[in-house]
Amino acid sequence: TSYGTLDDGYVDAEFVNPQGDRFRLKDKKEPDLYRFAREDRPLAG
């Protein structure tokens, strides 16, 4: 209620994508994990 939820609680994150390469949430060239789509999504990393 005061600290927020989802992206309000974090600054950045690091991932390993399905090909085995590393990327960060802030990397503009990587998958847009900020986007929400009302659909079943595969694991992005």
ModelCIF file with pLDDT and N, C-alpha, C, O atoms, coordinates in Angstrom:
data_MODEL
#
_entry.id   MODEL 
#
_entity.id                         1 
_entity.type                       polymer 
_entity.pdbx_number_of_molecules   1 
#
_entity_poly.entity_id                      1 
_entity_poly.type                           'polypeptide(L)' 
_entity_poly.nstd_linkage                   no 
_entity_poly.nstd_monomer                   no 
_entity_poly.pdbx_seq_one_letter_code       TSYGTLDDGYVDAEFVNPQGDRFRLKDKKEPDLYRFAREDRPLAG 
_entity_poly.pdbx_seq_one_letter_code_can   TSYGTLDDGYVDAEFVNPQGDRFRLKDKKEPDLYRFAREDRPLAG 
_entity_poly.pdbx_strand_id                 A 
#
loop_
_entity_poly_seq.entity_id 
_entity_poly_seq.num 
_entity_poly_seq.mon_id 
_entity_poly_seq.hetero 
1 1  THR n 
1 2  SER n 
1 3  TYR n 
1 4  GLY n 
1 5  THR n 
1 6  LEU n 
1 7  ASP n 
1 8  ASP n 
1 9  GLY n 
1 10 TYR n 
1 11 VAL n 
1 12 ASP n 
1 13 ALA n 
1 14 GLU n 
1 15 PHE n 
1 16 VAL n 
1 17 ASN n 
1 18 PRO n 
1 19 GLN n 
1 20 GLY n 
1 21 ASP n 
1 22 ARG n 
1 23 PHE n 
1 24 ARG n 
1 25 LEU n 
1 26 LYS n 
1 27 ASP n 
1 28 LYS n 
1 29 LYS n 
1 30 GLU n 
1 31 PRO n 
1 32 ASP n 
1 33 LEU n 
1 34 TYR n 
1 35 ARG n 
1 36 PHE n 
1 37 ALA n 
1 38 ARG n 
1 39 GLU n 
1 40 ASP n 
1 41 ARG n 
1 42 PRO n 
1 43 LEU n 
1 44 ALA n 
1 45 GLY n 
#
_struct_asym.id          A 
_struct_asym.entity_id   1 
#
loop_
_ma_qa_metric.id 
_ma_qa_metric.mode 
_ma_qa_metric.name 
_ma_qa_metric.software_group_id 
_ma_qa_metric.type 
1 global pLDDT . pLDDT 
2 local  pLDDT . pLDDT 
#
_ma_qa_metric_global.metric_id      1 
_ma_qa_metric_global.metric_value   81.53 
_ma_qa_metric_global.model_id       1 
_ma_qa_metric_global.ordinal_id     1 
#
loop_
_ma_qa_metric_local.label_asym_id 
_ma_qa_metric_local.label_comp_id 
_ma_qa_metric_local.label_seq_id 
_ma_qa_metric_local.metric_id 
_ma_qa_metric_local.metric_value 
_ma_qa_metric_local.model_id 
_ma_qa_metric_local.ordinal_id 
A THR 1  2 87.00 1 1  
A SER 2  2 88.00 1 2  
A TYR 3  2 85.00 1 3  
A GLY 4  2 72.00 1 4  
A THR 5  2 68.00 1 5  
A LEU 6  2 56.00 1 6  
A ASP 7  2 56.00 1 7  
A ASP 8  2 65.00 1 8  
A GLY 9  2 81.00 1 9  
A TYR 10 2 85.00 1 10 
A VAL 11 2 88.00 1 11 
A ASP 12 2 90.00 1 12 
A ALA 13 2 91.00 1 13 
A GLU 14 2 94.00 1 14 
A PHE 15 2 93.00 1 15 
A VAL 16 2 95.00 1 16 
A ASN 17 2 93.00 1 17 
A PRO 18 2 93.00 1 18 
A GLN 19 2 94.00 1 19 
A GLY 20 2 95.00 1 20 
A ASP 21 2 94.00 1 21 
A ARG 22 2 94.00 1 22 
A PHE 23 2 92.00 1 23 
A ARG 24 2 90.00 1 24 
A LEU 25 2 83.00 1 25 
A LYS 26 2 82.00 1 26 
A ASP 27 2 82.00 1 27 
A LYS 28 2 72.00 1 28 
A LYS 29 2 73.00 1 29 
A GLU 30 2 71.00 1 30 
A PRO 31 2 76.00 1 31 
A ASP 32 2 78.00 1 32 
A LEU 33 2 78.00 1 33 
A TYR 34 2 74.00 1 34 
A ARG 35 2 76.00 1 35 
A PHE 36 2 78.00 1 36 
A ALA 37 2 76.00 1 37 
A ARG 38 2 77.00 1 38 
A GLU 39 2 77.00 1 39 
A ASP 40 2 77.00 1 40 
A ARG 41 2 76.00 1 41 
A PRO 42 2 77.00 1 42 
A LEU 43 2 79.00 1 43 
A ALA 44 2 81.00 1 44 
A GLY 45 2 87.00 1 45 
#
loop_
_atom_site.group_PDB 
_atom_site.id 
_atom_site.type_symbol 
_atom_site.label_atom_id 
_atom_site.label_alt_id 
_atom_site.label_comp_id 
_atom_site.label_asym_id 
_atom_site.label_entity_id 
_atom_site.label_seq_id 
_atom_site.pdbx_PDB_ins_code 
_atom_site.Cartn_x 
_atom_site.Cartn_y 
_atom_site.Cartn_z 
_atom_site.occupancy 
_atom_site.B_iso_or_equiv 
_atom_site.pdbx_formal_charge 
_atom_site.auth_seq_id 
_atom_site.auth_comp_id 
_atom_site.auth_asym_id 
_atom_site.auth_atom_id 
_atom_site.pdbx_PDB_model_num 
ATOM 1   N N  . THR A 1 1  ? 0.818  -1.210  0.000   1.00 87.00 ? 1  THR A N  1 
ATOM 2   C CA . THR A 1 1  ? 0.000  0.000   0.000   1.00 87.00 ? 1  THR A CA 1 
ATOM 3   C C  . THR A 1 1  ? 0.852  1.260   0.000   1.00 87.00 ? 1  THR A C  1 
ATOM 4   O O  . THR A 1 1  ? 0.427  2.294   -0.515  1.00 87.00 ? 1  THR A O  1 
ATOM 5   N N  . SER A 1 2  ? 2.061  1.185   0.578   1.00 88.00 ? 2  SER A N  1 
ATOM 6   C CA . SER A 1 2  ? 2.923  2.369   0.610   1.00 88.00 ? 2  SER A CA 1 
ATOM 7   C C  . SER A 1 2  ? 4.225  2.170   -0.151  1.00 88.00 ? 2  SER A C  1 
ATOM 8   O O  . SER A 1 2  ? 4.769  3.126   -0.702  1.00 88.00 ? 2  SER A O  1 
ATOM 9   N N  . TYR A 1 3  ? 4.734  0.934   -0.189  1.00 85.00 ? 3  TYR A N  1 
ATOM 10  C CA . TYR A 1 3  ? 6.006  0.685   -0.859  1.00 85.00 ? 3  TYR A CA 1 
ATOM 11  C C  . TYR A 1 3  ? 5.833  0.347   -2.334  1.00 85.00 ? 3  TYR A C  1 
ATOM 12  O O  . TYR A 1 3  ? 6.806  0.309   -3.087  1.00 85.00 ? 3  TYR A O  1 
ATOM 13  N N  . GLY A 1 4  ? 4.597  0.102   -2.739  1.00 72.00 ? 4  GLY A N  1 
ATOM 14  C CA . GLY A 1 4  ? 4.347  -0.248  -4.124  1.00 72.00 ? 4  GLY A CA 1 
ATOM 15  C C  . GLY A 1 4  ? 4.484  -1.728  -4.360  1.00 72.00 ? 4  GLY A C  1 
ATOM 16  O O  . GLY A 1 4  ? 4.884  -2.475  -3.467  1.00 72.00 ? 4  GLY A O  1 
ATOM 17  N N  . THR A 1 5  ? 4.153  -2.153  -5.556  1.00 68.00 ? 5  THR A N  1 
ATOM 18  C CA . THR A 1 5  ? 4.307  -3.548  -5.940  1.00 68.00 ? 5  THR A CA 1 
ATOM 19  C C  . THR A 1 5  ? 4.906  -3.596  -7.335  1.00 68.00 ? 5  THR A C  1 
ATOM 20  O O  . THR A 1 5  ? 5.001  -2.575  -8.016  1.00 68.00 ? 5  THR A O  1 
ATOM 21  N N  . LEU A 1 6  ? 5.304  -4.770  -7.746  1.00 56.00 ? 6  LEU A N  1 
ATOM 22  C CA . LEU A 1 6  ? 5.942  -4.947  -9.048  1.00 56.00 ? 6  LEU A CA 1 
ATOM 23  C C  . LEU A 1 6  ? 7.141  -4.024  -9.200  1.00 56.00 ? 6  LEU A C  1 
ATOM 24  O O  . LEU A 1 6  ? 8.021  -4.054  -8.341  1.00 56.00 ? 6  LEU A O  1 
ATOM 25  N N  . ASP A 1 7  ? 7.226  -3.199  -10.251 1.00 56.00 ? 7  ASP A N  1 
ATOM 26  C CA . ASP A 1 7  ? 8.475  -2.467  -10.495 1.00 56.00 ? 7  ASP A CA 1 
ATOM 27  C C  . ASP A 1 7  ? 8.720  -1.353  -9.489  1.00 56.00 ? 7  ASP A C  1 
ATOM 28  O O  . ASP A 1 7  ? 9.820  -0.801  -9.447  1.00 56.00 ? 7  ASP A O  1 
ATOM 29  N N  . ASP A 1 8  ? 7.715  -1.005  -8.669  1.00 65.00 ? 8  ASP A N  1 
ATOM 30  C CA . ASP A 1 8  ? 7.966  -0.007  -7.630  1.00 65.00 ? 8  ASP A CA 1 
ATOM 31  C C  . ASP A 1 8  ? 8.940  -0.526  -6.581  1.00 65.00 ? 8  ASP A C  1 
ATOM 32  O O  . ASP A 1 8  ? 9.514  0.266   -5.834  1.00 65.00 ? 8  ASP A O  1 
ATOM 33  N N  . GLY A 1 9  ? 9.136  -1.826  -6.512  1.00 81.00 ? 9  GLY A N  1 
ATOM 34  C CA . GLY A 1 9  ? 9.980  -2.390  -5.467  1.00 81.00 ? 9  GLY A CA 1 
ATOM 35  C C  . GLY A 1 9  ? 11.392 -2.703  -5.906  1.00 81.00 ? 9  GLY A C  1 
ATOM 36  O O  . GLY A 1 9  ? 12.211 -3.109  -5.081  1.00 81.00 ? 9  GLY A O  1 
ATOM 37  N N  . TYR A 1 10 ? 11.706 -2.527  -7.180  1.00 85.00 ? 10 TYR A N  1 
ATOM 38  C CA . TYR A 1 10 ? 13.054 -2.856  -7.621  1.00 85.00 ? 10 TYR A CA 1 
ATOM 39  C C  . TYR A 1 10 ? 13.605 -1.779  -8.553  1.00 85.00 ? 10 TYR A C  1 
ATOM 40  O O  . TYR A 1 10 ? 12.865 -0.972  -9.114  1.00 85.00 ? 10 TYR A O  1 
ATOM 41  N N  . VAL A 1 11 ? 14.923 -1.795  -8.696  1.00 88.00 ? 11 VAL A N  1 
ATOM 42  C CA . VAL A 1 11 ? 15.617 -0.811  -9.521  1.00 88.00 ? 11 VAL A CA 1 
ATOM 43  C C  . VAL A 1 11 ? 16.087 -1.444  -10.834 1.00 88.00 ? 11 VAL A C  1 
ATOM 44  O O  . VAL A 1 11 ? 15.940 -0.857  -11.906 1.00 88.00 ? 11 VAL A O  1 
ATOM 45  N N  . ASP A 1 12 ? 16.648 -2.634  -10.734 1.00 90.00 ? 12 ASP A N  1 
ATOM 46  C CA . ASP A 1 12 ? 17.162 -3.318  -11.917 1.00 90.00 ? 12 ASP A CA 1 
ATOM 47  C C  . ASP A 1 12 ? 17.234 -4.806  -11.612 1.00 90.00 ? 12 ASP A C  1 
ATOM 48  O O  . ASP A 1 12 ? 17.122 -5.213  -10.456 1.00 90.00 ? 12 ASP A O  1 
ATOM 49  N N  . ALA A 1 13 ? 17.418 -5.608  -12.636 1.00 91.00 ? 13 ALA A N  1 
ATOM 50  C CA . ALA A 1 13 ? 17.547 -7.050  -12.460 1.00 91.00 ? 13 ALA A CA 1 
ATOM 51  C C  . ALA A 1 13 ? 18.428 -7.607  -13.565 1.00 91.00 ? 13 ALA A C  1 
ATOM 52  O O  . ALA A 1 13 ? 18.551 -7.025  -14.643 1.00 91.00 ? 13 ALA A O  1 
ATOM 53  N N  . GLU A 1 14 ? 19.037 -8.746  -13.273 1.00 94.00 ? 14 GLU A N  1 
ATOM 54  C CA . GLU A 1 14 ? 19.908 -9.427  -14.233 1.00 94.00 ? 14 GLU A CA 1 
ATOM 55  C C  . GLU A 1 14 ? 19.284 -10.760 -14.624 1.00 94.00 ? 14 GLU A C  1 
ATOM 56  O O  . GLU A 1 14 ? 18.689 -11.445 -13.792 1.00 94.00 ? 14 GLU A O  1 
ATOM 57  N N  . PHE A 1 15 ? 19.425 -11.123 -15.892 1.00 93.00 ? 15 PHE A N  1 
ATOM 58  C CA . PHE A 1 15 ? 18.812 -12.340 -16.411 1.00 93.00 ? 15 PHE A CA 1 
ATOM 59  C C  . PHE A 1 15 ? 19.798 -13.098 -17.291 1.00 93.00 ? 15 PHE A C  1 
ATOM 60  O O  . PHE A 1 15 ? 20.770 -12.543 -17.803 1.00 93.00 ? 15 PHE A O  1 
ATOM 61  N N  . VAL A 1 16 ? 19.508 -14.394 -17.447 1.00 95.00 ? 16 VAL A N  1 
ATOM 62  C CA . VAL A 1 16 ? 20.120 -15.210 -18.487 1.00 95.00 ? 16 VAL A CA 1 
ATOM 63  C C  . VAL A 1 16 ? 18.998 -15.617 -19.421 1.00 95.00 ? 16 VAL A C  1 
ATOM 64  O O  . VAL A 1 16 ? 18.034 -16.249 -18.989 1.00 95.00 ? 16 VAL A O  1 
ATOM 65  N N  . ASN A 1 17 ? 19.108 -15.267 -20.693 1.00 93.00 ? 17 ASN A N  1 
ATOM 66  C CA . ASN A 1 17 ? 18.014 -15.525 -21.623 1.00 93.00 ? 17 ASN A CA 1 
ATOM 67  C C  . ASN A 1 17 ? 18.000 -16.990 -22.079 1.00 93.00 ? 17 ASN A C  1 
ATOM 68  O O  . ASN A 1 17 ? 18.935 -17.731 -21.774 1.00 93.00 ? 17 ASN A O  1 
ATOM 69  N N  . PRO A 1 18 ? 16.969 -17.417 -22.795 1.00 93.00 ? 18 PRO A N  1 
ATOM 70  C CA . PRO A 1 18 ? 16.862 -18.829 -23.205 1.00 93.00 ? 18 PRO A CA 1 
ATOM 71  C C  . PRO A 1 18 ? 17.987 -19.325 -24.093 1.00 93.00 ? 18 PRO A C  1 
ATOM 72  O O  . PRO A 1 18 ? 18.125 -20.533 -24.289 1.00 93.00 ? 18 PRO A O  1 
ATOM 73  N N  . GLN A 1 19 ? 18.804 -18.416 -24.641 1.00 94.00 ? 19 GLN A N  1 
ATOM 74  C CA . GLN A 1 19 ? 19.956 -18.825 -25.439 1.00 94.00 ? 19 GLN A CA 1 
ATOM 75  C C  . GLN A 1 19 ? 21.230 -18.955 -24.600 1.00 94.00 ? 19 GLN A C  1 
ATOM 76  O O  . GLN A 1 19 ? 22.263 -19.409 -25.092 1.00 94.00 ? 19 GLN A O  1 
ATOM 77  N N  . GLY A 1 20 ? 21.145 -18.549 -23.321 1.00 95.00 ? 20 GLY A N  1 
ATOM 78  C CA . GLY A 1 20 ? 22.305 -18.646 -22.447 1.00 95.00 ? 20 GLY A CA 1 
ATOM 79  C C  . GLY A 1 20 ? 23.128 -17.383 -22.386 1.00 95.00 ? 20 GLY A C  1 
ATOM 80  O O  . GLY A 1 20 ? 24.279 -17.427 -21.949 1.00 95.00 ? 20 GLY A O  1 
ATOM 81  N N  . ASP A 1 21 ? 22.578 -16.251 -22.811 1.00 94.00 ? 21 ASP A N  1 
ATOM 82  C CA . ASP A 1 21 ? 23.289 -14.975 -22.769 1.00 94.00 ? 21 ASP A CA 1 
ATOM 83  C C  . ASP A 1 21 ? 22.730 -14.092 -21.659 1.00 94.00 ? 21 ASP A C  1 
ATOM 84  O O  . ASP A 1 21 ? 21.537 -14.122 -21.355 1.00 94.00 ? 21 ASP A O  1 
ATOM 85  N N  . ARG A 1 22 ? 23.611 -13.317 -21.073 1.00 94.00 ? 22 ARG A N  1 
ATOM 86  C CA . ARG A 1 22 ? 23.223 -12.463 -19.953 1.00 94.00 ? 22 ARG A CA 1 
ATOM 87  C C  . ARG A 1 22 ? 22.705 -11.104 -20.435 1.00 94.00 ? 22 ARG A C  1 
ATOM 88  O O  . ARG A 1 22 ? 23.214 -10.545 -21.407 1.00 94.00 ? 22 ARG A O  1 
ATOM 89  N N  . PHE A 1 23 ? 21.692 -10.582 -19.746 1.00 92.00 ? 23 PHE A N  1 
ATOM 90  C CA . PHE A 1 23 ? 21.238 -9.216  -20.025 1.00 92.00 ? 23 PHE A CA 1 
ATOM 91  C C  . PHE A 1 23 ? 20.647 -8.614  -18.758 1.00 92.00 ? 23 PHE A C  1 
ATOM 92  O O  . PHE A 1 23 ? 20.334 -9.316  -17.797 1.00 92.00 ? 23 PHE A O  1 
ATOM 93  N N  . ARG A 1 24 ? 20.506 -7.295  -18.784 1.00 90.00 ? 24 ARG A N  1 
ATOM 94  C CA . ARG A 1 24 ? 19.918 -6.592  -17.648 1.00 90.00 ? 24 ARG A CA 1 
ATOM 95  C C  . ARG A 1 24 ? 18.580 -5.995  -18.060 1.00 90.00 ? 24 ARG A C  1 
ATOM 96  O O  . ARG A 1 24 ? 18.316 -5.765  -19.240 1.00 90.00 ? 24 ARG A O  1 
ATOM 97  N N  . LEU A 1 25 ? 17.754 -5.753  -17.069 1.00 83.00 ? 25 LEU A N  1 
ATOM 98  C CA . LEU A 1 25 ? 16.419 -5.220  -17.338 1.00 83.00 ? 25 LEU A CA 1 
ATOM 99  C C  . LEU A 1 25 ? 16.490 -3.878  -18.061 1.00 83.00 ? 25 LEU A C  1 
ATOM 100 O O  . LEU A 1 25 ? 15.637 -3.564  -18.891 1.00 83.00 ? 25 LEU A O  1 
ATOM 101 N N  . LYS A 1 26 ? 17.503 -3.100  -17.741 1.00 82.00 ? 26 LYS A N  1 
ATOM 102 C CA . LYS A 1 26 ? 17.619 -1.753  -18.311 1.00 82.00 ? 26 LYS A CA 1 
ATOM 103 C C  . LYS A 1 26 ? 18.203 -1.740  -19.722 1.00 82.00 ? 26 LYS A C  1 
ATOM 104 O O  . LYS A 1 26 ? 18.210 -0.703  -20.385 1.00 82.00 ? 26 LYS A O  1 
ATOM 105 N N  . ASP A 1 27 ? 18.690 -2.886  -20.178 1.00 82.00 ? 27 ASP A N  1 
ATOM 106 C CA . ASP A 1 27 ? 19.276 -2.930  -21.521 1.00 82.00 ? 27 ASP A CA 1 
ATOM 107 C C  . ASP A 1 27 ? 18.191 -2.728  -22.576 1.00 82.00 ? 27 ASP A C  1 
ATOM 108 O O  . ASP A 1 27 ? 17.264 -3.533  -22.669 1.00 82.00 ? 27 ASP A O  1 
ATOM 109 N N  . LYS A 1 28 ? 18.293 -1.682  -23.355 1.00 72.00 ? 28 LYS A N  1 
ATOM 110 C CA . LYS A 1 28 ? 17.234 -1.340  -24.307 1.00 72.00 ? 28 LYS A CA 1 
ATOM 111 C C  . LYS A 1 28 ? 17.117 -2.347  -25.451 1.00 72.00 ? 28 LYS A C  1 
ATOM 112 O O  . LYS A 1 28 ? 16.048 -2.496  -26.042 1.00 72.00 ? 28 LYS A O  1 
ATOM 113 N N  . LYS A 1 29 ? 18.200 -3.028  -25.759 1.00 73.00 ? 29 LYS A N  1 
ATOM 114 C CA . LYS A 1 29 ? 18.171 -3.954  -26.894 1.00 73.00 ? 29 LYS A CA 1 
ATOM 115 C C  . LYS A 1 29 ? 17.569 -5.308  -26.525 1.00 73.00 ? 29 LYS A C  1 
ATOM 116 O O  . LYS A 1 29 ? 17.326 -6.139  -27.400 1.00 73.00 ? 29 LYS A O  1 
ATOM 117 N N  . GLU A 1 30 ? 17.329 -5.531  -25.238 1.00 71.00 ? 30 GLU A N  1 
ATOM 118 C CA . GLU A 1 30 ? 16.842 -6.832  -24.800 1.00 71.00 ? 30 GLU A CA 1 
ATOM 119 C C  . GLU A 1 30 ? 15.323 -6.869  -24.731 1.00 71.00 ? 30 GLU A C  1 
ATOM 120 O O  . GLU A 1 30 ? 14.678 -5.849  -24.971 1.00 71.00 ? 30 GLU A O  1 
ATOM 121 N N  . PRO A 1 31 ? 14.731 -8.026  -24.406 1.00 76.00 ? 31 PRO A N  1 
ATOM 122 C CA . PRO A 1 31 ? 13.267 -8.126  -24.343 1.00 76.00 ? 31 PRO A CA 1 
ATOM 123 C C  . PRO A 1 31 ? 12.678 -7.091  -23.397 1.00 76.00 ? 31 PRO A C  1 
ATOM 124 O O  . PRO A 1 31 ? 13.255 -6.789  -22.353 1.00 76.00 ? 31 PRO A O  1 
ATOM 125 N N  . ASP A 1 32 ? 11.521 -6.550  -23.773 1.00 78.00 ? 32 ASP A N  1 
ATOM 126 C CA . ASP A 1 32 ? 10.857 -5.524  -22.968 1.00 78.00 ? 32 ASP A CA 1 
ATOM 127 C C  . ASP A 1 32 ? 10.036 -6.191  -21.872 1.00 78.00 ? 32 ASP A C  1 
ATOM 128 O O  . ASP A 1 32 ? 8.857  -6.490  -22.061 1.00 78.00 ? 32 ASP A O  1 
ATOM 129 N N  . LEU A 1 33 ? 10.669 -6.421  -20.721 1.00 78.00 ? 33 LEU A N  1 
ATOM 130 C CA . LEU A 1 33 ? 9.974  -7.059  -19.616 1.00 78.00 ? 33 LEU A CA 1 
ATOM 131 C C  . LEU A 1 33 ? 9.114  -6.080  -18.833 1.00 78.00 ? 33 LEU A C  1 
ATOM 132 O O  . LEU A 1 33 ? 8.355  -6.488  -17.954 1.00 78.00 ? 33 LEU A O  1 
ATOM 133 N N  . TYR A 1 34 ? 9.225  -4.795  -19.141 1.00 74.00 ? 34 TYR A N  1 
ATOM 134 C CA . TYR A 1 34 ? 8.357  -3.809  -18.485 1.00 74.00 ? 34 TYR A CA 1 
ATOM 135 C C  . TYR A 1 34 ? 6.924  -3.899  -19.013 1.00 74.00 ? 34 TYR A C  1 
ATOM 136 O O  . TYR A 1 34 ? 5.981  -3.509  -18.325 1.00 74.00 ? 34 TYR A O  1 
ATOM 137 N N  . ARG A 1 35 ? 6.765  -4.410  -20.226 1.00 76.00 ? 35 ARG A N  1 
ATOM 138 C CA . ARG A 1 35 ? 5.451  -4.448  -20.859 1.00 76.00 ? 35 ARG A CA 1 
ATOM 139 C C  . ARG A 1 35 ? 4.586  -5.532  -20.230 1.00 76.00 ? 35 ARG A C  1 
ATOM 140 O O  . ARG A 1 35 ? 5.077  -6.599  -19.863 1.00 76.00 ? 35 ARG A O  1 
ATOM 141 N N  . PHE A 1 36 ? 3.285  -5.245  -20.110 1.00 78.00 ? 36 PHE A N  1 
ATOM 142 C CA . PHE A 1 36 ? 2.342  -6.264  -19.680 1.00 78.00 ? 36 PHE A CA 1 
ATOM 143 C C  . PHE A 1 36 ? 1.386  -6.585  -20.818 1.00 78.00 ? 36 PHE A C  1 
ATOM 144 O O  . PHE A 1 36 ? 0.862  -5.679  -21.466 1.00 78.00 ? 36 PHE A O  1 
ATOM 145 N N  . ALA A 1 37 ? 1.160  -7.861  -21.062 1.00 76.00 ? 37 ALA A N  1 
ATOM 146 C CA . ALA A 1 37 ? 0.183  -8.300  -22.051 1.00 76.00 ? 37 ALA A CA 1 
ATOM 147 C C  . ALA A 1 37 ? -0.705 -9.345  -21.401 1.00 76.00 ? 37 ALA A C  1 
ATOM 148 O O  . ALA A 1 37 ? -0.221 -10.256 -20.730 1.00 76.00 ? 37 ALA A O  1 
ATOM 149 N N  . ARG A 1 38 ? -1.992 -9.210  -21.601 1.00 77.00 ? 38 ARG A N  1 
ATOM 150 C CA . ARG A 1 38 ? -2.936 -10.140 -20.971 1.00 77.00 ? 38 ARG A CA 1 
ATOM 151 C C  . ARG A 1 38 ? -2.965 -11.437 -21.774 1.00 77.00 ? 38 ARG A C  1 
ATOM 152 O O  . ARG A 1 38 ? -3.893 -11.722 -22.532 1.00 77.00 ? 38 ARG A O  1 
ATOM 153 N N  . GLU A 1 39 ? -1.899 -12.205 -21.564 1.00 77.00 ? 39 GLU A N  1 
ATOM 154 C CA . GLU A 1 39 ? -1.725 -13.440 -22.317 1.00 77.00 ? 39 GLU A CA 1 
ATOM 155 C C  . GLU A 1 39 ? -0.763 -14.338 -21.558 1.00 77.00 ? 39 GLU A C  1 
ATOM 156 O O  . GLU A 1 39 ? -0.035 -13.879 -20.678 1.00 77.00 ? 39 GLU A O  1 
ATOM 157 N N  . ASP A 1 40 ? -0.765 -15.607 -21.899 1.00 77.00 ? 40 ASP A N  1 
ATOM 158 C CA . ASP A 1 40 ? 0.212  -16.533 -21.333 1.00 77.00 ? 40 ASP A CA 1 
ATOM 159 C C  . ASP A 1 40 ? 1.544  -16.310 -22.031 1.00 77.00 ? 40 ASP A C  1 
ATOM 160 O O  . ASP A 1 40 ? 1.638  -16.382 -23.257 1.00 77.00 ? 40 ASP A O  1 
ATOM 161 N N  . ARG A 1 41 ? 2.573  -16.038 -21.236 1.00 76.00 ? 41 ARG A N  1 
ATOM 162 C CA . ARG A 1 41 ? 3.883  -15.705 -21.804 1.00 76.00 ? 41 ARG A CA 1 
ATOM 163 C C  . ARG A 1 41 ? 4.906  -16.777 -21.439 1.00 76.00 ? 41 ARG A C  1 
ATOM 164 O O  . ARG A 1 41 ? 4.871  -17.303 -20.326 1.00 76.00 ? 41 ARG A O  1 
ATOM 165 N N  . PRO A 1 42 ? 5.807  -17.109 -22.346 1.00 77.00 ? 42 PRO A N  1 
ATOM 166 C CA . PRO A 1 42 ? 6.888  -18.042 -22.008 1.00 77.00 ? 42 PRO A CA 1 
ATOM 167 C C  . PRO A 1 42 ? 7.921  -17.350 -21.123 1.00 77.00 ? 42 PRO A C  1 
ATOM 168 O O  . PRO A 1 42 ? 7.925  -16.126 -20.989 1.00 77.00 ? 42 PRO A O  1 
ATOM 169 N N  . LEU A 1 43 ? 8.776  -18.138 -20.534 1.00 79.00 ? 43 LEU A N  1 
ATOM 170 C CA . LEU A 1 43 ? 9.844  -17.609 -19.695 1.00 79.00 ? 43 LEU A CA 1 
ATOM 171 C C  . LEU A 1 43 ? 10.802 -16.784 -20.538 1.00 79.00 ? 43 LEU A C  1 
ATOM 172 O O  . LEU A 1 43 ? 11.397 -17.293 -21.488 1.00 79.00 ? 43 LEU A O  1 
ATOM 173 N N  . ALA A 1 44 ? 10.954 -15.495 -20.189 1.00 81.00 ? 44 ALA A N  1 
ATOM 174 C CA . ALA A 1 44 ? 11.834 -14.614 -20.954 1.00 81.00 ? 44 ALA A CA 1 
ATOM 175 C C  . ALA A 1 44 ? 13.290 -14.767 -20.557 1.00 81.00 ? 44 ALA A C  1 
ATOM 176 O O  . ALA A 1 44 ? 14.186 -14.403 -21.318 1.00 81.00 ? 44 ALA A O  1 
ATOM 177 N N  . GLY A 1 45 ? 13.528 -15.300 -19.374 1.00 87.00 ? 45 GLY A N  1 
ATOM 178 C CA . GLY A 1 45 ? 14.888 -15.459 -18.912 1.00 87.00 ? 45 GLY A CA 1 
ATOM 179 C C  . GLY A 1 45 ? 14.908 -15.887 -17.456 1.00 87.00 ? 45 GLY A C  1 
ATOM 180 O O  . GLY A 1 45 ? 15.981 -16.073 -16.882 1.00 87.00 ? 45 GLY A O  1 
#
